[in-house]
């Protein structure tokens, strides 16, 4: 495959018709899009966010089993071109088949005629030399399912009041309030680390709040989809065992049929979870959600490992679902038209916007244009300054030279300690990333002893990293 003038192009790379996701997970999509649009170098963008691809890329490459298709257009336009190309291929193949049948009829009719033998042989050679028109193969297999009807619950499904959550000195949620009514659908958005998953876990019962009140409504049953499925499914179990462990007795005879709807058929149900791909684990976790009817779905990054077709099926199933829902996602195309409100997380606080992701983005732009100071207020320290204190500061004597030197020494010592902690954090995170890469290699699971050692090292490093972050946070106080 060759291509000229690629040094100033942004392209989306496709394999078998679907984008491969490295989880770009855009927190501030507009800012990143603006940066990539103005970037003068080449960009290879791998994402499942259709809107992001359309706004940034100007070239799409699709790699199929035997061919590479390269078009100088964004993703959605490429999809249309692919449909047109396949339609043209089908028409060409149909016309060619008609021509083949016409020539074959001539051969069959006059094969026994001696005076027409040369013409018959000529047409036989023509058939043998004819290059058959091939229609591109597409992998159209995708999951198919619908959520069971939601059991009736109270009007208010969940309500939080003055909710706090902190991990040591790090305060993730600072007195937030949130409520969700029966059948209402909400999207949690914001930058990574702002508390979206934390609040989801607290509502789902996976974590406890450290202050405030959380109240579930009458007859509320929760279905929870976790962002990191590998930690919850159990790598030593098979696909079928995972389903059996979560299934009520009356559902067990139908588990294989249900798994077939999620592309696990035949021997695939006996595969160990540890060797499943990210997409397979996501499909398995979704299948588990269908085992029992629920009236509150909590989905944390459900599209991270799903291809475009599977994402569309999931979105339609969620739109048809009649229960309440909380979805944490960075995927604007997935969120478009899906929710009744959007909850924005920033600096430990929440702000609600009525409508879907497009209504939210419009409101955000309006807030910025109006120059509102919500963010500045959130960043102010939570303490009051009295007139007396202000007067005391104004009349206080300036520090002596010795006091100033001592303060400078303390400041430099603190800066050095902070720099050392940041270096240790970076080194630890780098090693954890390397271990994640090792654990993603299926060959590792052939060596149980080495696998155990890597998992143990990973567990130890996570504890170490938590301690380093606590020390780092203390130096910032």
Protein backbone atom coordinates (compact mmCIF):
# COMPACT_ATOMS: atom_id res chain seq x y z
CA UNK A 1 0.00 0.00 0.00
CA UNK A 2 1.50 3.35 -0.99
CA UNK A 3 0.27 6.85 -0.45
CA UNK A 4 1.83 10.23 -1.21
CA UNK A 5 1.69 13.40 0.87
CA UNK A 6 0.74 11.82 4.19
CA UNK A 7 2.78 14.15 6.40
CA UNK A 8 -0.08 16.61 6.97
CA UNK A 9 -2.99 14.20 7.15
CA UNK A 10 -5.05 12.83 10.00
CA UNK A 11 -6.44 9.38 9.35
CA UNK A 12 -8.69 6.88 11.06
CA UNK A 13 -7.39 3.30 10.89
CA UNK A 14 -9.97 0.53 10.47
CA UNK A 15 -9.59 -3.23 10.69
CA UNK A 16 -12.32 -5.48 9.23
CA UNK A 17 -14.59 -2.47 8.90
CA UNK A 18 -14.44 -1.39 12.54
CA UNK A 19 -12.17 1.09 14.27
CA UNK A 20 -9.67 -0.28 16.76
CA UNK A 21 -10.03 1.53 20.08
CA UNK A 22 -7.07 2.61 22.19
CA UNK A 23 -9.51 4.59 24.27
CA UNK A 24 -8.65 8.17 23.50
CA UNK A 25 -11.41 8.94 26.08
CA UNK A 26 -11.66 12.66 25.37
CA UNK A 27 -12.38 14.62 28.52
CA UNK A 28 -12.26 18.05 26.95
CA UNK A 29 -13.19 17.05 23.42
CA UNK A 30 -13.46 20.54 21.97
CA UNK A 31 -9.98 21.50 23.20
CA UNK A 32 -8.38 18.33 21.88
CA UNK A 33 -10.20 18.63 18.58
CA UNK A 34 -9.04 22.23 18.14
CA UNK A 35 -5.48 21.18 18.90
CA UNK A 36 -5.52 18.29 16.41
CA UNK A 37 -7.13 20.42 13.70
CA UNK A 38 -4.37 23.00 14.01
CA UNK A 39 -1.58 20.46 14.39
CA UNK A 40 0.66 20.58 11.32
CA UNK A 41 2.12 17.07 11.63
CA UNK A 42 0.61 13.69 10.76
CA UNK A 43 -1.94 12.13 13.11
CA UNK A 44 -3.05 8.49 13.21
CA UNK A 45 -6.23 8.52 15.27
CA UNK A 46 -7.67 5.32 16.74
CA UNK A 47 -11.07 5.83 18.39
CA UNK A 48 -14.65 4.56 18.66
CA UNK A 49 -16.07 8.10 18.89
CA UNK A 50 -17.67 8.72 15.50
CA UNK A 51 -18.14 12.44 16.17
CA UNK A 52 -14.51 12.83 17.16
CA UNK A 53 -13.36 10.99 14.03
CA UNK A 54 -15.58 13.08 11.76
CA UNK A 55 -14.43 16.36 13.31
CA UNK A 56 -10.71 15.62 13.17
CA UNK A 57 -9.81 13.16 10.40
CA UNK A 58 -9.67 13.70 6.66
CA UNK A 59 -8.66 10.20 5.62
CA UNK A 60 -9.87 6.69 6.48
CA UNK A 61 -8.02 3.41 5.94
CA UNK A 62 -9.86 0.11 6.12
CA UNK A 63 -7.88 -3.14 6.27
CA UNK A 64 -9.88 -6.21 5.26
CA UNK A 65 -8.70 -9.80 4.92
CA UNK A 66 -7.21 -9.38 1.44
CA UNK A 67 -7.41 -5.66 0.62
CA UNK A 68 -6.65 -2.21 1.94
CA UNK A 69 -9.11 0.57 1.15
CA UNK A 70 -7.86 4.14 1.45
CA UNK A 71 -10.21 7.11 1.01
CA UNK A 72 -9.44 10.83 1.65
CA UNK A 73 -12.65 11.37 3.65
CA UNK A 74 -13.75 11.28 7.33
CA UNK A 75 -15.30 8.15 8.84
CA UNK A 76 -19.04 8.78 8.26
CA UNK A 77 -18.40 9.76 4.64
CA UNK A 78 -16.28 6.63 4.22
CA UNK A 79 -19.18 4.49 5.47
CA UNK A 80 -21.35 5.90 2.67
CA UNK A 81 -18.61 5.28 0.11
CA UNK A 82 -18.25 1.70 1.35
CA UNK A 83 -21.98 1.09 0.86
CA UNK A 84 -21.79 2.59 -2.64
CA UNK A 85 -18.71 0.50 -3.48
CA UNK A 86 -20.33 -2.75 -2.34
CA UNK A 87 -23.52 -1.93 -4.25
CA UNK A 88 -21.44 -1.34 -7.40
CA UNK A 89 -19.63 -4.65 -6.81
CA UNK A 90 -22.93 -6.51 -6.45
CA UNK A 91 -24.27 -4.98 -9.68
CA UNK A 92 -21.03 -5.80 -11.54
CA UNK A 93 -21.10 -9.38 -10.24
CA UNK A 94 -24.74 -9.77 -11.29
CA UNK A 95 -24.03 -8.48 -14.80
CA UNK A 96 -20.99 -10.71 -15.11
CA UNK A 97 -22.97 -13.75 -14.03
CA UNK A 98 -25.56 -13.02 -16.70
CA UNK A 99 -22.77 -12.82 -19.32
CA UNK A 100 -21.25 -16.09 -18.07
CA UNK A 101 -24.63 -17.83 -18.36
CA UNK A 102 -25.13 -16.47 -21.90
CA UNK A 103 -21.71 -17.73 -23.04
CA UNK A 104 -22.23 -21.09 -21.31
CA UNK A 105 -25.56 -21.53 -23.09
CA UNK A 106 -23.80 -21.02 -26.43
CA UNK A 107 -21.13 -23.58 -25.49
CA UNK A 108 -23.68 -26.16 -24.34
CA UNK A 109 -25.86 -25.66 -27.42
CA UNK A 110 -23.18 -25.89 -30.12
CA UNK A 111 -20.55 -28.10 -28.47
CA UNK A 112 -21.49 -31.03 -30.79
CA UNK A 113 -21.45 -28.93 -33.98
CA UNK A 114 -18.23 -29.63 -35.89
CA UNK A 115 -18.51 -26.46 -37.99
CA UNK A 116 -18.74 -24.34 -34.81
CA UNK A 117 -15.99 -26.08 -32.84
CA UNK A 118 -13.55 -23.16 -33.11
CA UNK A 119 -16.14 -20.69 -31.86
CA UNK A 120 -17.06 -22.98 -28.95
CA UNK A 121 -13.40 -23.37 -27.95
CA UNK A 122 -12.93 -19.62 -28.18
CA UNK A 123 -15.78 -19.04 -25.77
CA UNK A 124 -14.55 -21.76 -23.40
CA UNK A 125 -11.16 -19.99 -23.28
CA UNK A 126 -12.99 -16.71 -22.69
CA UNK A 127 -14.76 -18.19 -19.67
CA UNK A 128 -11.50 -19.59 -18.28
CA UNK A 129 -9.70 -16.25 -18.66
CA UNK A 130 -12.54 -14.17 -17.23
CA UNK A 131 -11.59 -12.59 -13.87
CA UNK A 132 -14.53 -13.00 -11.56
CA UNK A 133 -15.88 -9.90 -9.82
CA UNK A 134 -15.54 -10.32 -6.06
CA UNK A 135 -17.76 -8.71 -3.48
CA UNK A 136 -15.87 -7.49 -0.41
CA UNK A 137 -16.40 -9.60 2.67
CA UNK A 138 -17.66 -7.70 5.70
CA UNK A 139 -17.87 -8.96 9.23
CA UNK A 140 -21.48 -8.09 10.00
CA UNK A 141 -21.77 -10.28 13.07
CA UNK A 142 -22.83 -8.32 16.11
CA UNK A 143 -24.59 -8.78 19.42
CA UNK A 144 -28.38 -8.69 19.53
CA UNK A 145 -30.37 -8.30 22.72
CA UNK A 146 -32.97 -6.30 24.62
CA UNK A 147 -33.08 -5.55 28.33
CA UNK A 148 -35.93 -7.19 30.28
CA UNK A 149 -38.79 -4.88 31.31
CA UNK A 150 -37.89 -2.95 34.46
CA UNK A 151 -39.79 -3.88 37.64
CA UNK A 152 -41.93 -1.09 39.09
CA UNK A 153 -40.07 1.13 41.59
CA UNK A 154 -40.87 4.23 43.61
CA UNK A 155 -40.96 7.62 41.90
CA UNK A 156 -37.50 8.54 43.18
CA UNK A 157 -34.99 5.81 42.36
CA UNK A 158 -31.94 7.28 44.11
CA UNK A 159 -31.26 10.46 46.05
CA UNK A 160 -27.96 11.83 47.38
CA UNK A 161 -27.70 14.79 49.75
CA UNK A 162 -24.47 16.53 50.82
CA UNK A 163 -22.49 13.45 49.79
CA UNK A 164 -18.75 13.35 50.50
CA UNK A 165 -16.06 10.91 49.45
CA UNK A 166 -12.36 11.11 50.17
CA UNK A 167 -9.41 8.76 49.93
CA UNK A 168 -7.06 9.87 52.67
CA UNK A 169 -6.35 13.57 52.04
CA UNK A 170 -7.79 13.46 48.50
CA UNK A 171 -11.38 14.73 48.42
CA UNK A 172 -13.14 13.44 45.31
CA UNK A 173 -16.74 14.46 46.09
CA UNK A 174 -17.39 17.56 48.19
CA UNK A 175 -20.96 17.69 49.43
CA UNK A 176 -22.78 16.80 46.19
CA UNK A 177 -26.51 16.32 45.75
CA UNK A 178 -28.13 14.24 43.03
CA UNK A 179 -31.49 12.59 42.36
CA UNK A 180 -32.83 10.28 39.68
CA UNK A 181 -36.49 9.47 39.08
CA UNK A 182 -38.14 6.33 37.70
CA UNK A 183 -37.34 5.88 33.99
CA UNK A 184 -34.99 8.87 33.90
CA UNK A 185 -31.65 8.53 32.11
CA UNK A 186 -28.57 10.56 33.12
CA UNK A 187 -25.06 10.84 31.68
CA UNK A 188 -22.06 11.51 33.93
CA UNK A 189 -19.40 13.52 32.09
CA UNK A 190 -16.19 15.33 32.99
CA UNK A 191 -12.46 14.83 33.05
CA UNK A 192 -10.91 11.64 34.40
CA UNK A 193 -10.48 11.65 38.17
CA UNK A 194 -13.35 14.06 38.87
CA UNK A 195 -15.54 11.46 40.62
CA UNK A 196 -17.88 10.09 37.93
CA UNK A 197 -17.01 6.44 38.55
CA UNK A 198 -16.75 7.04 42.29
CA UNK A 199 -20.34 8.29 42.57
CA UNK A 200 -21.49 5.45 40.32
CA UNK A 201 -19.84 2.90 42.60
CA UNK A 202 -21.35 4.50 45.71
CA UNK A 203 -24.84 4.39 44.19
CA UNK A 204 -24.22 0.82 43.00
CA UNK A 205 -23.14 -0.27 46.49
CA UNK A 206 -19.54 -1.06 45.53
CA UNK A 207 -18.14 1.73 47.72
CA UNK A 208 -19.26 3.68 50.79
CA UNK A 209 -19.54 7.43 51.06
CA UNK A 210 -17.55 9.14 53.84
CA UNK A 211 -20.24 11.71 54.57
CA UNK A 212 -23.75 12.77 53.65
CA UNK A 213 -26.82 10.67 52.85
CA UNK A 214 -27.54 8.17 50.06
CA UNK A 215 -31.09 6.84 49.80
CA UNK A 216 -32.34 4.24 47.31
CA UNK A 217 -36.03 4.33 46.43
CA UNK A 218 -38.68 1.70 47.07
CA UNK A 219 -38.11 -1.65 45.32
CA UNK A 220 -34.97 -0.49 43.49
CA UNK A 221 -32.84 -3.24 41.94
CA UNK A 222 -29.49 -2.33 40.39
CA UNK A 223 -27.58 -3.73 37.43
CA UNK A 224 -23.95 -2.53 37.37
CA UNK A 225 -21.55 -2.63 34.42
CA UNK A 226 -17.97 -1.95 35.53
CA UNK A 227 -15.33 -0.22 33.43
CA UNK A 228 -12.65 -2.78 34.35
CA UNK A 229 -14.34 -6.12 33.71
CA UNK A 230 -11.29 -8.34 34.21
CA UNK A 231 -11.23 -7.61 37.94
CA UNK A 232 -14.86 -8.68 38.38
CA UNK A 233 -15.33 -11.67 36.10
CA UNK A 234 -12.60 -13.92 37.53
CA UNK A 235 -9.91 -14.96 35.06
CA UNK A 236 -9.89 -18.64 36.11
CA UNK A 237 -13.60 -19.10 35.26
CA UNK A 238 -14.97 -20.01 31.86
CA UNK A 239 -17.52 -17.89 30.02
CA UNK A 240 -20.31 -20.32 30.92
CA UNK A 241 -19.22 -20.50 34.58
CA UNK A 242 -19.34 -16.72 34.89
CA UNK A 243 -22.94 -16.78 33.70
CA UNK A 244 -23.90 -19.73 35.90
CA UNK A 245 -22.56 -18.01 39.03
CA UNK A 246 -24.78 -14.97 38.45
CA UNK A 247 -27.82 -16.77 37.06
CA UNK A 248 -31.02 -17.70 38.87
CA UNK A 249 -31.90 -21.39 38.58
CA UNK A 250 -34.75 -20.84 36.11
CA UNK A 251 -32.41 -19.09 33.64
CA UNK A 252 -29.67 -21.75 33.50
CA UNK A 253 -31.22 -23.90 30.74
CA UNK A 254 -31.19 -20.81 28.48
CA UNK A 255 -27.67 -19.57 29.20
CA UNK A 256 -26.12 -21.03 26.05
CA UNK A 257 -28.81 -19.43 23.88
CA UNK A 258 -28.26 -16.09 25.63
CA UNK A 259 -24.49 -16.34 25.15
CA UNK A 260 -25.09 -17.07 21.46
CA UNK A 261 -26.76 -13.66 21.16
CA UNK A 262 -23.46 -12.17 22.35
CA UNK A 263 -21.35 -14.17 19.84
CA UNK A 264 -20.31 -16.90 22.29
CA UNK A 265 -21.30 -20.15 20.63
CA UNK A 266 -19.99 -23.72 20.53
CA UNK A 267 -16.62 -24.14 22.24
CA UNK A 268 -16.38 -20.38 22.89
CA UNK A 269 -18.46 -20.80 26.07
CA UNK A 270 -15.63 -22.93 27.54
CA UNK A 271 -12.93 -20.28 27.02
CA UNK A 272 -11.26 -18.93 30.16
CA UNK A 273 -12.06 -15.30 30.92
CA UNK A 274 -8.32 -14.63 31.29
CA UNK A 275 -7.78 -15.18 27.54
CA UNK A 276 -10.75 -13.11 26.35
CA UNK A 277 -10.16 -9.87 24.48
CA UNK A 278 -11.42 -6.58 25.85
CA UNK A 279 -14.40 -6.67 23.52
CA UNK A 280 -15.29 -10.25 24.52
CA UNK A 281 -15.16 -9.34 28.22
CA UNK A 282 -17.42 -6.37 27.55
CA UNK A 283 -19.94 -8.57 25.74
CA UNK A 284 -19.85 -11.12 28.56
CA UNK A 285 -20.47 -8.43 31.17
CA UNK A 286 -23.43 -7.12 29.16
CA UNK A 287 -24.83 -10.64 28.91
CA UNK A 288 -24.71 -10.91 32.71
CA UNK A 289 -26.87 -7.81 33.02
CA UNK A 290 -29.74 -9.67 31.31
CA UNK A 291 -29.90 -12.50 33.84
CA UNK A 292 -32.21 -10.64 36.20
CA UNK A 293 -34.61 -7.73 35.57
CA UNK A 294 -33.46 -4.44 37.14
CA UNK A 295 -34.91 -0.94 37.26
CA UNK A 296 -31.65 1.00 37.63
CA UNK A 297 -28.78 0.41 35.20
CA UNK A 298 -25.36 1.86 36.02
CA UNK A 299 -22.94 1.66 33.10
CA UNK A 300 -19.33 2.81 33.53
CA UNK A 301 -17.67 3.33 30.12
CA UNK A 302 -19.69 0.56 28.39
CA UNK A 303 -18.39 1.30 24.88
CA UNK A 304 -14.64 1.18 25.52
CA UNK A 305 -14.08 -2.20 23.83
CA UNK A 306 -17.12 -2.42 21.55
CA UNK A 307 -16.95 -2.05 17.78
CA UNK A 308 -19.23 0.36 15.92
CA UNK A 309 -21.98 -2.17 15.19
CA UNK A 310 -22.07 -3.47 18.77
CA UNK A 311 -22.16 0.11 20.04
CA UNK A 312 -25.18 0.91 17.91
CA UNK A 313 -27.01 -2.20 19.14
CA UNK A 314 -26.25 -1.32 22.77
CA UNK A 315 -27.40 2.27 22.29
CA UNK A 316 -30.71 1.18 20.75
CA UNK A 317 -31.25 -1.34 23.56
CA UNK A 318 -30.66 1.38 26.16
CA UNK A 319 -33.03 3.77 24.39
CA UNK A 320 -35.70 1.05 24.46
CA UNK A 321 -35.02 0.22 28.13
CA UNK A 322 -37.84 1.51 30.37
CA UNK A 323 -35.91 1.73 33.66
CA UNK A 324 -33.70 4.45 35.10
CA UNK A 325 -30.10 4.65 33.94
CA UNK A 326 -26.77 6.27 34.78
CA UNK A 327 -24.11 6.07 32.08
CA UNK A 328 -20.50 7.25 32.45
CA UNK A 329 -19.03 7.90 29.02
CA UNK A 330 -16.79 10.15 26.95
CA UNK A 331 -18.34 9.01 23.65
CA UNK A 332 -20.47 11.85 22.26
CA UNK A 333 -21.88 9.84 19.37
CA UNK A 334 -23.05 7.16 21.84
CA UNK A 335 -24.58 9.74 24.22
CA UNK A 336 -26.38 11.70 21.51
CA UNK A 337 -30.14 11.39 22.05
CA UNK A 338 -29.66 8.83 24.84
CA UNK A 339 -30.22 10.77 28.08
CA UNK A 340 -32.68 13.15 29.70
CA UNK A 341 -29.98 15.07 31.55
CA UNK A 342 -26.21 15.41 31.75
CA UNK A 343 -24.34 15.75 35.05
CA UNK A 344 -21.02 17.56 34.78
CA UNK A 345 -18.32 16.73 37.36
CA UNK A 346 -15.66 19.30 38.23
CA UNK A 347 -13.60 20.04 41.36
CA UNK A 348 -15.66 17.66 43.46
CA UNK A 349 -18.96 19.36 42.58
CA UNK A 350 -21.84 18.58 40.20
CA UNK A 351 -23.84 20.69 37.79
CA UNK A 352 -26.87 19.34 35.93
CA UNK A 353 -27.94 20.19 32.38
CA UNK A 354 -31.31 19.17 30.94
CA UNK A 355 -31.20 17.21 27.68
CA UNK A 356 -28.64 15.07 25.89
CA UNK A 357 -24.93 15.62 25.21
CA UNK A 358 -25.61 18.15 22.44
CA UNK A 359 -27.78 20.26 24.77
CA UNK A 360 -25.01 20.05 27.36
CA UNK A 361 -22.30 21.18 24.92
CA UNK A 362 -24.49 24.09 23.79
CA UNK A 363 -25.06 25.14 27.39
CA UNK A 364 -21.35 24.84 28.21
CA UNK A 365 -20.47 27.10 25.26
CA UNK A 366 -23.10 29.60 26.44
CA UNK A 367 -21.65 29.55 29.96
CA UNK A 368 -18.17 30.24 28.65
CA UNK A 369 -19.37 32.98 26.33
CA UNK A 370 -21.21 34.64 29.22
CA UNK A 371 -18.03 34.56 31.31
CA UNK A 372 -19.63 32.85 34.28
CA UNK A 373 -17.35 32.36 37.29
CA UNK A 374 -18.54 28.95 38.51
CA UNK A 375 -15.13 27.36 37.98
CA UNK A 376 -13.33 30.20 39.80
CA UNK A 377 -15.70 29.90 42.73
CA UNK A 378 -15.17 26.13 42.88
CA UNK A 379 -11.42 26.62 43.04
CA UNK A 380 -11.54 29.13 45.92
CA UNK A 381 -10.53 27.71 49.34
CA UNK A 382 -13.51 26.79 51.51
CA UNK A 383 -12.84 29.27 54.30
CA UNK A 384 -14.13 32.71 55.22
CA UNK A 385 -12.04 35.83 55.85
CA UNK A 386 -13.45 38.18 58.45
CA UNK A 387 -12.88 41.95 58.42
CA UNK A 388 -10.89 41.59 61.63
CA UNK A 389 -8.59 39.03 60.03
CA UNK A 390 -8.13 41.30 57.02
CA UNK A 391 -7.19 44.18 59.28
CA UNK A 392 -4.76 41.98 61.19
CA UNK A 393 -3.01 40.98 57.98
CA UNK A 394 -2.83 44.59 56.87
CA UNK A 395 -1.25 45.76 60.15
CA UNK A 396 1.05 42.76 60.75
CA UNK A 397 4.75 43.51 60.82
CA UNK A 398 6.78 42.29 57.81
CA UNK A 399 8.85 39.13 58.48
CA UNK A 400 12.46 39.59 59.60
CA UNK A 401 15.41 38.61 57.40
CA UNK A 402 16.02 35.44 59.44
CA UNK A 403 12.35 34.50 59.23
CA UNK A 404 12.43 35.03 55.46
CA UNK A 405 15.53 32.79 55.12
CA UNK A 406 13.90 30.08 57.24
CA UNK A 407 10.76 30.27 55.09
CA UNK A 408 12.86 29.99 51.92
CA UNK A 409 14.68 26.92 53.28
CA UNK A 410 11.39 25.25 54.18
CA UNK A 411 9.96 26.05 50.76
CA UNK A 412 12.97 24.61 48.91
CA UNK A 413 12.93 21.50 51.09
CA UNK A 414 9.23 21.00 50.33
CA UNK A 415 9.78 21.53 46.59
CA UNK A 416 12.59 18.94 46.60
CA UNK A 417 10.44 16.44 48.50
CA UNK A 418 7.55 17.02 46.08
CA UNK A 419 9.83 16.55 43.05
CA UNK A 420 11.18 13.27 44.47
CA UNK A 421 7.65 12.02 45.11
CA UNK A 422 6.57 12.94 41.58
CA UNK A 423 9.56 11.05 40.17
CA UNK A 424 8.67 8.00 42.27
CA UNK A 425 5.04 8.20 41.17
CA UNK A 426 6.08 8.41 37.50
CA UNK A 427 8.44 5.44 37.90
CA UNK A 428 5.78 3.35 39.67
CA UNK A 429 3.11 4.19 37.09
CA UNK A 430 5.54 3.29 34.30
CA UNK A 431 6.22 -0.10 35.85
CA UNK A 432 2.48 -0.71 36.35
CA UNK A 433 1.89 0.11 32.68
CA UNK A 434 4.57 -2.39 31.71
CA UNK A 435 2.95 -5.06 33.91
CA UNK A 436 -0.44 -4.33 32.30
CA UNK A 437 1.19 -5.02 28.94
CA UNK A 438 2.56 -8.33 30.18
CA UNK A 439 -0.82 -9.36 31.60
CA UNK A 440 -2.47 -8.60 28.25
CA UNK A 441 -0.26 -11.22 26.53
CA UNK A 442 -2.10 -14.57 26.26
CA UNK A 443 1.25 -16.41 26.29
CA UNK A 444 1.77 -15.35 29.91
CA UNK A 445 -1.06 -17.59 31.13
CA UNK A 446 0.83 -20.67 29.99
CA UNK A 447 3.30 -20.03 32.83
CA UNK A 448 1.23 -20.00 36.03
CA UNK A 449 4.20 -19.24 38.29
CA UNK A 450 5.31 -16.20 36.29
CA UNK A 451 1.72 -14.98 36.04
CA UNK A 452 1.33 -15.19 39.83
CA UNK A 453 4.57 -13.27 40.37
CA UNK A 454 3.49 -10.48 38.03
CA UNK A 455 0.04 -10.19 39.64
CA UNK A 456 1.66 -10.04 43.10
CA UNK A 457 4.10 -7.33 41.97
CA UNK A 458 1.21 -5.39 40.46
CA UNK A 459 -0.76 -5.58 43.72
CA UNK A 460 2.24 -4.38 45.73
CA UNK A 461 2.93 -1.49 43.37
CA UNK A 462 -0.69 -0.32 43.54
CA UNK A 463 -0.43 -0.12 47.34
CA UNK A 464 2.87 1.72 47.01
CA UNK A 465 1.37 4.14 44.50
CA UNK A 466 -1.55 4.95 46.82
CA UNK A 467 0.93 5.77 49.58
CA UNK A 468 2.99 8.00 47.28
CA UNK A 469 -0.11 9.91 46.23
CA UNK A 470 -1.06 10.47 49.87
CA UNK A 471 2.41 11.84 50.62
CA UNK A 472 2.30 14.00 47.51
CA UNK A 473 -1.11 15.39 48.48
CA UNK A 474 0.24 16.22 51.94
CA UNK A 475 3.03 18.34 50.42
CA UNK A 476 0.39 20.35 48.55
CA UNK A 477 -1.51 21.35 51.70
